[in-house]
Amino acid sequence: MKKMFLGLIVGMVMLTGVFVPLKAFAEPDNICDDTSIPEELREAAGCRTDEERNETIMPIVMGVIQVALGVIGLVAVIILVYGAIIYTTSTGDARKIYQAKNIILYAIVGLVVSGLSYAIVFFVSQALWGK
């Protein structure tokens, strides 16, 4: 039984050693970057042309803004959960209850502002670029 198990492991290692180097002979990962393919064929495959790649920096800026607003929304949700934990563990202490209610209120305001900001950025980007 040990010999069969050992033979199976050695066989798998040998097959891996044979097939892993074959990846070097595989097609490139992205045909859009392959310069041996004519520009017309790359364009027909859905690749962007050089003019489309370098239009403006604004789509990148809008993407960064959207990611930042998403992170802000995530932080607001984490703070909301933190306020709920403080409220739950307050054990009737009026000061902790007041503190927890304020944390929850400000977290909800942060979520609303973050959501509205995300919507504004989305609509502005749609109006300017249409995509």
N, C-alpha and C. Protein backbone atom coordinates (compact mmCIF):
# COMPACT_ATOMS: atom_id res chain seq x y z
N MET A 1 0.82 -1.18 0.00
CA MET A 1 0.00 0.00 0.00
C MET A 1 0.88 1.26 0.00
N LYS A 2 1.94 1.23 0.78
CA LYS A 2 2.85 2.38 0.83
C LYS A 2 3.51 2.60 -0.52
N LYS A 3 3.89 1.49 -1.21
CA LYS A 3 4.55 1.62 -2.50
C LYS A 3 3.59 2.22 -3.53
N MET A 4 2.31 1.83 -3.47
CA MET A 4 1.34 2.36 -4.41
C MET A 4 1.13 3.86 -4.16
N PHE A 5 1.01 4.24 -2.91
CA PHE A 5 0.84 5.64 -2.56
C PHE A 5 2.05 6.46 -2.96
N LEU A 6 3.24 5.94 -2.69
CA LEU A 6 4.47 6.62 -3.05
C LEU A 6 4.59 6.74 -4.57
N GLY A 7 4.23 5.68 -5.29
CA GLY A 7 4.26 5.72 -6.75
C GLY A 7 3.29 6.74 -7.31
N LEU A 8 2.13 6.88 -6.70
CA LEU A 8 1.14 7.87 -7.12
C LEU A 8 1.69 9.29 -6.92
N ILE A 9 2.31 9.54 -5.79
CA ILE A 9 2.88 10.86 -5.52
C ILE A 9 4.02 11.16 -6.49
N VAL A 10 4.91 10.20 -6.71
CA VAL A 10 6.03 10.41 -7.64
C VAL A 10 5.50 10.65 -9.05
N GLY A 11 4.49 9.93 -9.46
CA GLY A 11 3.90 10.12 -10.78
C GLY A 11 3.30 11.50 -10.94
N MET A 12 2.61 11.99 -9.90
CA MET A 12 2.03 13.32 -9.97
C MET A 12 3.11 14.39 -10.05
N VAL A 13 4.18 14.21 -9.29
CA VAL A 13 5.28 15.17 -9.33
C VAL A 13 5.93 15.16 -10.71
N MET A 14 6.10 13.99 -11.30
CA MET A 14 6.72 13.91 -12.62
C MET A 14 5.83 14.55 -13.68
N LEU A 15 4.51 14.31 -13.61
CA LEU A 15 3.60 14.92 -14.57
C LEU A 15 3.59 16.44 -14.43
N THR A 16 3.65 16.91 -13.20
CA THR A 16 3.70 18.35 -12.98
C THR A 16 4.97 18.93 -13.57
N GLY A 17 6.07 18.23 -13.42
CA GLY A 17 7.33 18.69 -13.97
C GLY A 17 7.32 18.72 -15.48
N VAL A 18 6.49 17.89 -16.13
CA VAL A 18 6.41 17.86 -17.58
C VAL A 18 5.47 18.94 -18.10
N PHE A 19 4.31 19.12 -17.44
CA PHE A 19 3.30 20.00 -17.98
C PHE A 19 3.47 21.46 -17.59
N VAL A 20 4.12 21.76 -16.50
CA VAL A 20 4.31 23.15 -16.10
C VAL A 20 5.19 23.89 -17.10
N PRO A 21 6.32 23.33 -17.58
CA PRO A 21 7.10 24.08 -18.57
C PRO A 21 6.37 24.27 -19.90
N LEU A 22 5.35 23.48 -20.18
CA LEU A 22 4.63 23.62 -21.44
C LEU A 22 3.84 24.93 -21.49
N LYS A 23 3.61 25.56 -20.34
CA LYS A 23 2.90 26.83 -20.32
C LYS A 23 3.68 27.90 -21.07
N ALA A 24 4.98 27.76 -21.15
CA ALA A 24 5.80 28.73 -21.88
C ALA A 24 5.47 28.72 -23.36
N PHE A 25 4.97 27.60 -23.87
CA PHE A 25 4.62 27.51 -25.28
C PHE A 25 3.16 27.84 -25.54
N ALA A 26 2.40 28.17 -24.49
CA ALA A 26 0.99 28.49 -24.65
C ALA A 26 0.84 29.87 -25.26
N GLU A 27 -0.39 30.17 -25.65
CA GLU A 27 -0.68 31.48 -26.23
C GLU A 27 -0.50 32.57 -25.17
N PRO A 28 -0.26 33.79 -25.61
CA PRO A 28 -0.12 34.87 -24.63
C PRO A 28 -1.42 35.07 -23.86
N ASP A 29 -1.31 35.58 -22.65
CA ASP A 29 -2.48 35.77 -21.81
C ASP A 29 -3.45 36.80 -22.37
N ASN A 30 -2.94 37.82 -23.01
CA ASN A 30 -3.79 38.88 -23.51
C ASN A 30 -3.44 39.13 -24.98
N ILE A 31 -4.39 38.85 -25.86
CA ILE A 31 -4.09 39.03 -27.29
C ILE A 31 -4.01 40.50 -27.65
N CYS A 32 -4.55 41.36 -26.82
CA CYS A 32 -4.49 42.79 -27.10
C CYS A 32 -3.07 43.31 -27.02
N ASP A 33 -2.22 42.68 -26.22
CA ASP A 33 -0.84 43.11 -26.08
C ASP A 33 0.10 42.42 -27.05
N ASP A 34 -0.40 41.45 -27.81
CA ASP A 34 0.44 40.70 -28.75
C ASP A 34 0.63 41.53 -30.02
N THR A 35 1.84 42.01 -30.23
CA THR A 35 2.11 42.87 -31.39
C THR A 35 2.24 42.09 -32.69
N SER A 36 2.32 40.76 -32.63
CA SER A 36 2.41 39.99 -33.87
C SER A 36 1.06 39.88 -34.57
N ILE A 37 -0.02 40.20 -33.87
CA ILE A 37 -1.36 40.16 -34.46
C ILE A 37 -1.64 41.52 -35.09
N PRO A 38 -2.15 41.56 -36.32
CA PRO A 38 -2.44 42.86 -36.96
C PRO A 38 -3.45 43.68 -36.16
N GLU A 39 -3.33 44.99 -36.27
CA GLU A 39 -4.18 45.91 -35.51
C GLU A 39 -5.66 45.70 -35.81
N GLU A 40 -6.00 45.40 -37.07
CA GLU A 40 -7.40 45.21 -37.45
C GLU A 40 -8.01 44.01 -36.73
N LEU A 41 -7.23 42.92 -36.61
CA LEU A 41 -7.74 41.73 -35.93
C LEU A 41 -7.89 41.97 -34.44
N ARG A 42 -6.94 42.69 -33.84
CA ARG A 42 -7.05 43.00 -32.41
C ARG A 42 -8.27 43.89 -32.16
N GLU A 43 -8.52 44.83 -33.06
CA GLU A 43 -9.68 45.71 -32.92
C GLU A 43 -10.97 44.92 -33.07
N ALA A 44 -11.00 43.95 -34.02
CA ALA A 44 -12.18 43.12 -34.21
C ALA A 44 -12.43 42.21 -33.02
N ALA A 45 -11.38 41.87 -32.29
CA ALA A 45 -11.52 41.02 -31.11
C ALA A 45 -11.99 41.80 -29.89
N GLY A 46 -12.14 43.12 -30.03
CA GLY A 46 -12.63 43.93 -28.92
C GLY A 46 -11.55 44.67 -28.17
N CYS A 47 -10.34 44.62 -28.66
CA CYS A 47 -9.25 45.35 -28.02
C CYS A 47 -9.39 46.83 -28.35
N ARG A 48 -9.02 47.65 -27.38
CA ARG A 48 -9.07 49.09 -27.62
C ARG A 48 -7.86 49.53 -28.43
N THR A 49 -8.09 50.51 -29.26
CA THR A 49 -6.98 51.03 -30.06
C THR A 49 -6.13 51.96 -29.20
N ASP A 50 -5.00 52.37 -29.74
CA ASP A 50 -4.10 53.25 -28.98
C ASP A 50 -4.77 54.59 -28.67
N GLU A 51 -5.61 55.08 -29.57
CA GLU A 51 -6.29 56.34 -29.31
C GLU A 51 -7.28 56.20 -28.16
N GLU A 52 -7.98 55.07 -28.10
CA GLU A 52 -8.95 54.85 -27.04
C GLU A 52 -8.27 54.64 -25.70
N ARG A 53 -7.08 54.08 -25.68
CA ARG A 53 -6.38 53.83 -24.43
C ARG A 53 -5.92 55.12 -23.77
N ASN A 54 -5.54 56.11 -24.56
CA ASN A 54 -4.93 57.32 -24.03
C ASN A 54 -5.83 58.54 -24.18
N GLU A 55 -7.16 58.38 -24.13
CA GLU A 55 -8.05 59.52 -24.32
C GLU A 55 -7.85 60.56 -23.21
N THR A 56 -8.23 60.23 -22.00
CA THR A 56 -8.08 61.15 -20.89
C THR A 56 -7.75 60.37 -19.63
N ILE A 57 -7.44 61.12 -18.61
CA ILE A 57 -7.17 60.51 -17.31
C ILE A 57 -8.43 60.47 -16.45
N MET A 58 -9.50 61.11 -16.91
CA MET A 58 -10.71 61.22 -16.09
C MET A 58 -11.35 59.88 -15.73
N PRO A 59 -11.42 58.88 -16.61
CA PRO A 59 -11.98 57.60 -16.16
C PRO A 59 -11.19 56.98 -15.01
N ILE A 60 -9.89 57.18 -15.01
CA ILE A 60 -9.07 56.66 -13.91
C ILE A 60 -9.39 57.41 -12.62
N VAL A 61 -9.51 58.74 -12.74
CA VAL A 61 -9.83 59.56 -11.57
C VAL A 61 -11.20 59.17 -11.02
N MET A 62 -12.17 58.97 -11.90
CA MET A 62 -13.51 58.59 -11.45
C MET A 62 -13.48 57.21 -10.78
N GLY A 63 -12.68 56.31 -11.29
CA GLY A 63 -12.54 55.00 -10.65
C GLY A 63 -11.95 55.11 -9.26
N VAL A 64 -10.94 55.95 -9.10
CA VAL A 64 -10.32 56.15 -7.79
C VAL A 64 -11.33 56.76 -6.82
N ILE A 65 -12.11 57.74 -7.30
CA ILE A 65 -13.13 58.36 -6.45
C ILE A 65 -14.17 57.33 -6.02
N GLN A 66 -14.59 56.48 -6.94
CA GLN A 66 -15.59 55.46 -6.60
C GLN A 66 -15.04 54.46 -5.59
N VAL A 67 -13.78 54.08 -5.73
CA VAL A 67 -13.18 53.17 -4.76
C VAL A 67 -13.08 53.84 -3.39
N ALA A 68 -12.68 55.10 -3.37
CA ALA A 68 -12.57 55.82 -2.10
C ALA A 68 -13.93 55.94 -1.42
N LEU A 69 -14.97 56.23 -2.19
CA LEU A 69 -16.31 56.32 -1.59
C LEU A 69 -16.78 54.96 -1.09
N GLY A 70 -16.41 53.90 -1.78
CA GLY A 70 -16.75 52.56 -1.30
C GLY A 70 -16.06 52.24 0.01
N VAL A 71 -14.80 52.64 0.15
CA VAL A 71 -14.07 52.42 1.40
C VAL A 71 -14.71 53.24 2.52
N ILE A 72 -15.10 54.47 2.22
CA ILE A 72 -15.75 55.31 3.23
C ILE A 72 -17.06 54.66 3.69
N GLY A 73 -17.82 54.12 2.76
CA GLY A 73 -19.06 53.42 3.12
C GLY A 73 -18.80 52.20 3.99
N LEU A 74 -17.74 51.46 3.68
CA LEU A 74 -17.38 50.30 4.48
C LEU A 74 -16.99 50.71 5.90
N VAL A 75 -16.23 51.79 6.02
CA VAL A 75 -15.85 52.29 7.34
C VAL A 75 -17.08 52.72 8.12
N ALA A 76 -18.04 53.36 7.45
CA ALA A 76 -19.27 53.78 8.12
C ALA A 76 -20.05 52.57 8.64
N VAL A 77 -20.09 51.50 7.87
CA VAL A 77 -20.78 50.28 8.33
C VAL A 77 -20.06 49.69 9.55
N ILE A 78 -18.74 49.67 9.53
CA ILE A 78 -17.98 49.15 10.66
C ILE A 78 -18.23 49.99 11.90
N ILE A 79 -18.28 51.31 11.76
CA ILE A 79 -18.57 52.19 12.89
C ILE A 79 -19.99 51.98 13.39
N LEU A 80 -20.92 51.73 12.48
CA LEU A 80 -22.30 51.44 12.87
C LEU A 80 -22.36 50.18 13.73
N VAL A 81 -21.65 49.15 13.32
CA VAL A 81 -21.61 47.91 14.10
C VAL A 81 -20.96 48.16 15.46
N TYR A 82 -19.90 48.96 15.49
CA TYR A 82 -19.24 49.31 16.75
C TYR A 82 -20.21 50.03 17.69
N GLY A 83 -20.98 50.97 17.17
CA GLY A 83 -21.97 51.67 18.00
C GLY A 83 -23.03 50.72 18.52
N ALA A 84 -23.44 49.77 17.68
CA ALA A 84 -24.43 48.79 18.13
C ALA A 84 -23.87 47.90 19.24
N ILE A 85 -22.60 47.56 19.14
CA ILE A 85 -21.98 46.74 20.20
C ILE A 85 -21.91 47.53 21.50
N ILE A 86 -21.54 48.80 21.42
CA ILE A 86 -21.50 49.63 22.63
C ILE A 86 -22.89 49.76 23.23
N TYR A 87 -23.90 49.94 22.39
CA TYR A 87 -25.28 50.06 22.88
C TYR A 87 -25.73 48.78 23.56
N THR A 88 -25.37 47.65 22.96
CA THR A 88 -25.78 46.36 23.52
C THR A 88 -25.10 46.07 24.85
N THR A 89 -23.85 46.47 24.97
CA THR A 89 -23.08 46.18 26.20
C THR A 89 -23.11 47.31 27.21
N SER A 90 -24.02 48.28 27.05
CA SER A 90 -24.05 49.44 27.96
C SER A 90 -24.60 49.09 29.34
N THR A 91 -25.36 48.05 29.46
CA THR A 91 -25.95 47.56 30.72
C THR A 91 -26.67 48.68 31.49
N GLY A 92 -27.37 49.54 30.77
CA GLY A 92 -28.18 50.57 31.41
C GLY A 92 -27.44 51.83 31.79
N ASP A 93 -26.16 51.92 31.51
CA ASP A 93 -25.38 53.13 31.81
C ASP A 93 -25.80 54.23 30.83
N ALA A 94 -26.34 55.32 31.37
CA ALA A 94 -26.89 56.39 30.54
C ALA A 94 -25.82 57.04 29.67
N ARG A 95 -24.62 57.18 30.19
CA ARG A 95 -23.55 57.81 29.42
C ARG A 95 -23.17 56.96 28.21
N LYS A 96 -23.07 55.63 28.41
CA LYS A 96 -22.74 54.74 27.29
C LYS A 96 -23.86 54.68 26.27
N ILE A 97 -25.10 54.70 26.73
CA ILE A 97 -26.23 54.68 25.80
C ILE A 97 -26.23 55.94 24.95
N TYR A 98 -25.99 57.11 25.58
CA TYR A 98 -25.93 58.37 24.84
C TYR A 98 -24.78 58.34 23.83
N GLN A 99 -23.62 57.83 24.24
CA GLN A 99 -22.46 57.73 23.35
C GLN A 99 -22.77 56.80 22.17
N ALA A 100 -23.39 55.65 22.45
CA ALA A 100 -23.71 54.68 21.40
C ALA A 100 -24.72 55.25 20.41
N LYS A 101 -25.72 55.96 20.91
CA LYS A 101 -26.72 56.56 20.02
C LYS A 101 -26.09 57.59 19.10
N ASN A 102 -25.16 58.37 19.64
CA ASN A 102 -24.46 59.35 18.79
C ASN A 102 -23.60 58.66 17.73
N ILE A 103 -22.91 57.60 18.12
CA ILE A 103 -22.08 56.86 17.15
C ILE A 103 -22.95 56.29 16.04
N ILE A 104 -24.06 55.70 16.41
CA ILE A 104 -24.97 55.11 15.42
C ILE A 104 -25.55 56.20 14.51
N LEU A 105 -25.94 57.34 15.10
CA LEU A 105 -26.48 58.43 14.31
C LEU A 105 -25.46 58.95 13.30
N TYR A 106 -24.24 59.18 13.75
CA TYR A 106 -23.21 59.70 12.84
C TYR A 106 -22.80 58.66 11.79
N ALA A 107 -22.84 57.39 12.14
CA ALA A 107 -22.53 56.35 11.16
C ALA A 107 -23.60 56.31 10.07
N ILE A 108 -24.86 56.46 10.46
CA ILE A 108 -25.95 56.46 9.48
C ILE A 108 -25.84 57.69 8.58
N VAL A 109 -25.53 58.84 9.17
CA VAL A 109 -25.34 60.05 8.37
C VAL A 109 -24.17 59.84 7.40
N GLY A 110 -23.09 59.22 7.87
CA GLY A 110 -21.96 58.93 6.99
C GLY A 110 -22.33 58.01 5.85
N LEU A 111 -23.14 57.00 6.14
CA LEU A 111 -23.60 56.09 5.08
C LEU A 111 -24.45 56.82 4.05
N VAL A 112 -25.34 57.68 4.52
CA VAL A 112 -26.20 58.42 3.59
C VAL A 112 -25.37 59.35 2.72
N VAL A 113 -24.43 60.08 3.34
CA VAL A 113 -23.58 61.00 2.57
C VAL A 113 -22.72 60.22 1.58
N SER A 114 -22.18 59.10 2.02
CA SER A 114 -21.36 58.28 1.13
C SER A 114 -22.19 57.74 -0.04
N GLY A 115 -23.39 57.28 0.23
CA GLY A 115 -24.26 56.78 -0.83
C GLY A 115 -24.65 57.87 -1.82
N LEU A 116 -24.98 59.05 -1.31
CA LEU A 116 -25.32 60.16 -2.21
C LEU A 116 -24.11 60.60 -3.02
N SER A 117 -22.95 60.63 -2.40
CA SER A 117 -21.73 60.99 -3.14
C SER A 117 -21.44 59.99 -4.24
N TYR A 118 -21.61 58.71 -3.94
CA TYR A 118 -21.40 57.67 -4.95
C TYR A 118 -22.38 57.86 -6.11
N ALA A 119 -23.64 58.16 -5.79
CA ALA A 119 -24.64 58.36 -6.84
C ALA A 119 -24.30 59.58 -7.70
N ILE A 120 -23.84 60.66 -7.07
CA ILE A 120 -23.47 61.85 -7.82
C ILE A 120 -22.30 61.56 -8.75
N VAL A 121 -21.28 60.88 -8.24
CA VAL A 121 -20.12 60.54 -9.07
C VAL A 121 -20.54 59.64 -10.23
N PHE A 122 -21.42 58.68 -9.96
CA PHE A 122 -21.88 57.78 -11.01
C PHE A 122 -22.63 58.54 -12.10
N PHE A 123 -23.57 59.42 -11.71
CA PHE A 123 -24.35 60.14 -12.70
C PHE A 123 -23.49 61.14 -13.48
N VAL A 124 -22.55 61.78 -12.82
CA VAL A 124 -21.67 62.71 -13.53
C VAL A 124 -20.81 61.96 -14.54
N SER A 125 -20.27 60.81 -14.13
CA SER A 125 -19.43 60.04 -15.07
C SER A 125 -20.26 59.52 -16.23
N GLN A 126 -21.51 59.15 -15.98
CA GLN A 126 -22.38 58.70 -17.08
C GLN A 126 -22.70 59.85 -18.02
N ALA A 127 -22.90 61.03 -17.48
CA ALA A 127 -23.22 62.18 -18.31
C ALA A 127 -22.04 62.62 -19.16
N LEU A 128 -20.82 62.49 -18.61
CA LEU A 128 -19.66 62.95 -19.34
C LEU A 128 -19.14 61.94 -20.34
N TRP A 129 -19.12 60.65 -19.96
CA TRP A 129 -18.52 59.63 -20.81
C TRP A 129 -19.52 58.65 -21.39
N GLY A 130 -20.68 58.53 -20.82
CA GLY A 130 -21.72 57.66 -21.36
C GLY A 130 -21.46 56.18 -21.20
N LYS A 131 -20.40 55.81 -20.45
CA LYS A 131 -20.12 54.39 -20.23
C LYS A 131 -19.97 54.15 -18.76
